[in-house]
Amino acid sequence: MLIGPMGAGKSRVGHRLAASAGAPFIDTDQRIVERYGPIDEIFDREGEEYFRIIEREVVAEALHEEAVISLGGGAVLHPDTRADLADLQVVLLRVTPEAVAPRLAGGNRPLIAEGGIGAWTAIFEQREPIYAELADLDIDTSRRSVARIVDDITGRFGGAA
């Protein structure tokens, strides 16, 4: 299970981790897009509250599958999701504001559309205590290759995160 802020590399690491473990990969944000359309459009059309409802449904479903799973940055805000993660192997991928800024450039992430890196930093600081509480392993992706991050995870969990 991969958690962390926007732009930390959860999807990239998750794909590589799943391949190395011979397991399927589930990106819950991608599942939402496949079922409901682009996340920024969901926010515009229905609002964040609606998005969090469908996010929780997709996350709950994914947690019943045998796979490497990447959760959207805000999925951990739901208390039921936090409870579900308590018995799972959870990896927090974190990144510095300086390293994430180019990763987010040109994106369409609704929560930082107006405030840019300042908004990203505020969101991360708000969520960081939750991420830290849930994490069994905490990795800064700012200056590490995906291969090295995957090696750290598989060294700790054998690829079952």
Protein backbone atom coordinates (compact mmCIF):
# COMPACT_ATOMS: atom_id res chain seq x y z
CA MET A 1 0.00 0.00 0.00
CA LEU A 2 1.47 3.32 -1.10
CA ILE A 3 0.36 6.60 0.45
CA GLY A 4 1.69 10.12 0.31
CA PRO A 5 1.21 13.57 -1.17
CA MET A 6 0.54 14.52 -4.78
CA GLY A 7 3.64 14.14 -6.91
CA ALA A 8 5.56 11.85 -4.55
CA GLY A 9 5.77 9.10 -7.18
CA LYS A 10 3.17 6.65 -5.90
CA SER A 11 2.02 5.60 -9.36
CA ARG A 12 5.50 5.24 -10.84
CA VAL A 13 6.81 3.34 -7.83
CA GLY A 14 3.63 1.25 -7.65
CA HIS A 15 3.93 0.12 -11.27
CA ARG A 16 7.55 -0.91 -10.78
CA LEU A 17 6.89 -2.55 -7.41
CA ALA A 18 3.99 -4.56 -8.80
CA ALA A 19 6.10 -5.70 -11.76
CA SER A 20 8.94 -6.79 -9.48
CA ALA A 21 6.52 -8.65 -7.20
CA GLY A 22 4.58 -10.24 -10.07
CA ALA A 23 1.39 -8.65 -8.74
CA PRO A 24 -1.30 -6.47 -10.27
CA PHE A 25 -1.13 -2.72 -9.71
CA ILE A 26 -4.12 -0.60 -8.73
CA ASP A 27 -3.99 3.19 -8.81
CA THR A 28 -7.20 4.29 -7.10
CA ASP A 29 -7.11 7.71 -8.77
CA GLN A 30 -6.90 6.00 -12.16
CA ARG A 31 -9.87 3.80 -11.29
CA ILE A 32 -11.86 6.89 -10.41
CA VAL A 33 -10.95 8.47 -13.75
CA GLU A 34 -11.96 5.30 -15.62
CA ARG A 35 -15.35 5.18 -13.92
CA TYR A 36 -16.28 8.81 -13.35
CA GLY A 37 -14.07 10.93 -15.61
CA PRO A 38 -11.16 13.28 -14.91
CA ILE A 39 -10.75 14.18 -11.25
CA ASP A 40 -10.56 17.91 -11.92
CA GLU A 41 -13.90 17.68 -13.74
CA ILE A 42 -15.44 15.76 -10.83
CA PHE A 43 -14.30 18.53 -8.48
CA ASP A 44 -15.70 21.21 -10.81
CA ARG A 45 -18.99 19.41 -11.44
CA GLU A 46 -19.75 17.80 -8.07
CA GLY A 47 -17.31 19.24 -5.50
CA GLU A 48 -14.74 17.71 -3.19
CA GLU A 49 -17.29 16.13 -0.85
CA TYR A 50 -18.74 14.02 -3.67
CA PHE A 51 -15.24 13.13 -4.86
CA ARG A 52 -14.32 11.86 -1.37
CA ILE A 53 -17.43 9.64 -1.33
CA ILE A 54 -16.57 7.94 -4.61
CA GLU A 55 -12.90 7.81 -3.63
CA ARG A 56 -13.80 5.91 -0.45
CA GLU A 57 -15.89 3.42 -2.47
CA VAL A 58 -13.06 2.79 -4.92
CA VAL A 59 -10.47 2.47 -2.14
CA ALA A 60 -12.63 0.04 -0.13
CA GLU A 61 -13.09 -2.11 -3.22
CA ALA A 62 -9.37 -2.05 -4.08
CA LEU A 63 -8.37 -3.07 -0.57
CA HIS A 64 -10.13 -6.40 -1.12
CA GLU A 65 -7.89 -7.24 -4.07
CA GLU A 66 -4.47 -8.87 -3.96
CA ALA A 67 -2.40 -6.10 -5.51
CA VAL A 68 0.07 -3.29 -5.00
CA ILE A 69 -2.20 -0.30 -4.39
CA SER A 70 -1.52 3.40 -4.70
CA LEU A 71 -3.96 5.66 -2.90
CA GLY A 72 -4.72 9.22 -3.90
CA GLY A 73 -3.12 11.76 -1.60
CA GLY A 74 -6.33 12.55 0.28
CA ALA A 75 -7.71 9.03 0.57
CA VAL A 76 -6.28 8.74 4.08
CA LEU A 77 -8.58 11.52 5.25
CA HIS A 78 -11.48 9.07 5.53
CA PRO A 79 -11.53 7.39 8.96
CA ASP A 80 -12.70 4.08 7.49
CA THR A 81 -9.73 4.05 5.13
CA ARG A 82 -7.37 4.73 8.02
CA ALA A 83 -8.94 1.86 9.96
CA ASP A 84 -8.61 -0.44 6.92
CA LEU A 85 -4.92 0.43 6.57
CA ALA A 86 -4.11 -0.37 10.20
CA ASP A 87 -3.46 -4.05 9.47
CA LEU A 88 -1.73 -3.58 6.10
CA GLN A 89 1.86 -2.87 5.11
CA VAL A 90 1.88 0.83 4.32
CA VAL A 91 4.67 2.77 2.65
CA LEU A 92 4.71 6.55 2.83
CA LEU A 93 6.36 8.17 -0.16
CA ARG A 94 7.20 11.76 0.63
CA VAL A 95 8.88 14.48 -1.40
CA THR A 96 10.20 17.97 -0.73
CA PRO A 97 8.46 21.04 -2.16
CA GLU A 98 11.57 21.80 -4.24
CA ALA A 99 11.58 18.34 -5.81
CA VAL A 100 7.82 18.15 -6.38
CA ALA A 101 7.41 21.56 -8.05
CA PRO A 102 8.65 20.41 -11.48
CA ARG A 103 6.67 17.17 -11.19
CA LEU A 104 3.44 19.12 -10.73
CA ALA A 105 4.10 21.78 -13.38
CA GLY A 106 1.42 21.84 -16.05
CA GLY A 107 -0.80 19.36 -14.22
CA ASN A 108 -4.50 19.65 -13.51
CA ARG A 109 -4.72 18.86 -9.82
CA PRO A 110 -7.77 20.65 -8.46
CA LEU A 111 -6.59 21.20 -4.90
CA ILE A 112 -3.50 23.12 -6.02
CA ALA A 113 -4.90 24.77 -9.16
CA GLU A 114 -5.09 28.17 -7.47
CA GLY A 115 -2.27 28.11 -4.94
CA GLY A 116 0.46 26.10 -6.66
CA ILE A 117 3.35 24.86 -4.55
CA GLY A 118 2.17 26.92 -1.56
CA ALA A 119 -1.14 25.08 -1.62
CA TRP A 120 0.68 21.76 -2.04
CA THR A 121 2.85 22.51 0.99
CA ALA A 122 -0.16 23.45 3.13
CA ILE A 123 -2.02 20.28 2.14
CA PHE A 124 1.02 18.11 2.83
CA GLU A 125 1.62 19.71 6.23
CA GLN A 126 -2.03 19.12 7.15
CA ARG A 127 -1.95 15.45 6.08
CA GLU A 128 1.60 14.55 7.14
CA PRO A 129 0.70 13.47 10.70
CA ILE A 130 -1.89 11.04 9.28
CA TYR A 131 0.59 9.70 6.72
CA ALA A 132 3.26 9.25 9.39
CA GLU A 133 0.87 7.48 11.77
CA LEU A 134 -0.16 4.97 9.09
CA ALA A 135 3.28 4.30 7.62
CA ASP A 136 5.35 1.22 8.35
CA LEU A 137 8.09 2.55 6.05
CA ASP A 138 8.78 6.19 5.16
CA ILE A 139 10.80 6.99 2.03
CA ASP A 140 11.75 10.40 0.63
CA THR A 141 11.55 10.16 -3.16
CA SER A 142 13.05 13.59 -3.81
CA ARG A 143 16.45 12.38 -4.95
CA ARG A 144 16.07 8.62 -5.27
CA SER A 145 15.50 6.55 -8.35
CA VAL A 146 12.35 4.47 -8.69
CA ALA A 147 14.50 1.32 -8.80
CA ARG A 148 16.17 2.20 -5.52
CA ILE A 149 12.85 3.00 -3.85
CA VAL A 150 11.45 -0.36 -4.99
CA ASP A 151 14.56 -2.09 -3.64
CA ASP A 152 14.00 -0.40 -0.25
CA ILE A 153 10.38 -1.55 -0.19
CA THR A 154 11.06 -5.13 -1.28
CA GLY A 155 13.97 -5.30 1.17
CA ARG A 156 11.56 -4.45 3.97
CA PHE A 157 8.40 -6.26 2.88
CA GLY A 158 9.38 -8.64 0.11
CA GLY A 159 7.34 -6.67 -2.45
CA ALA A 160 3.98 -7.06 -0.72
CA ALA A 161 3.28 -3.41 0.08
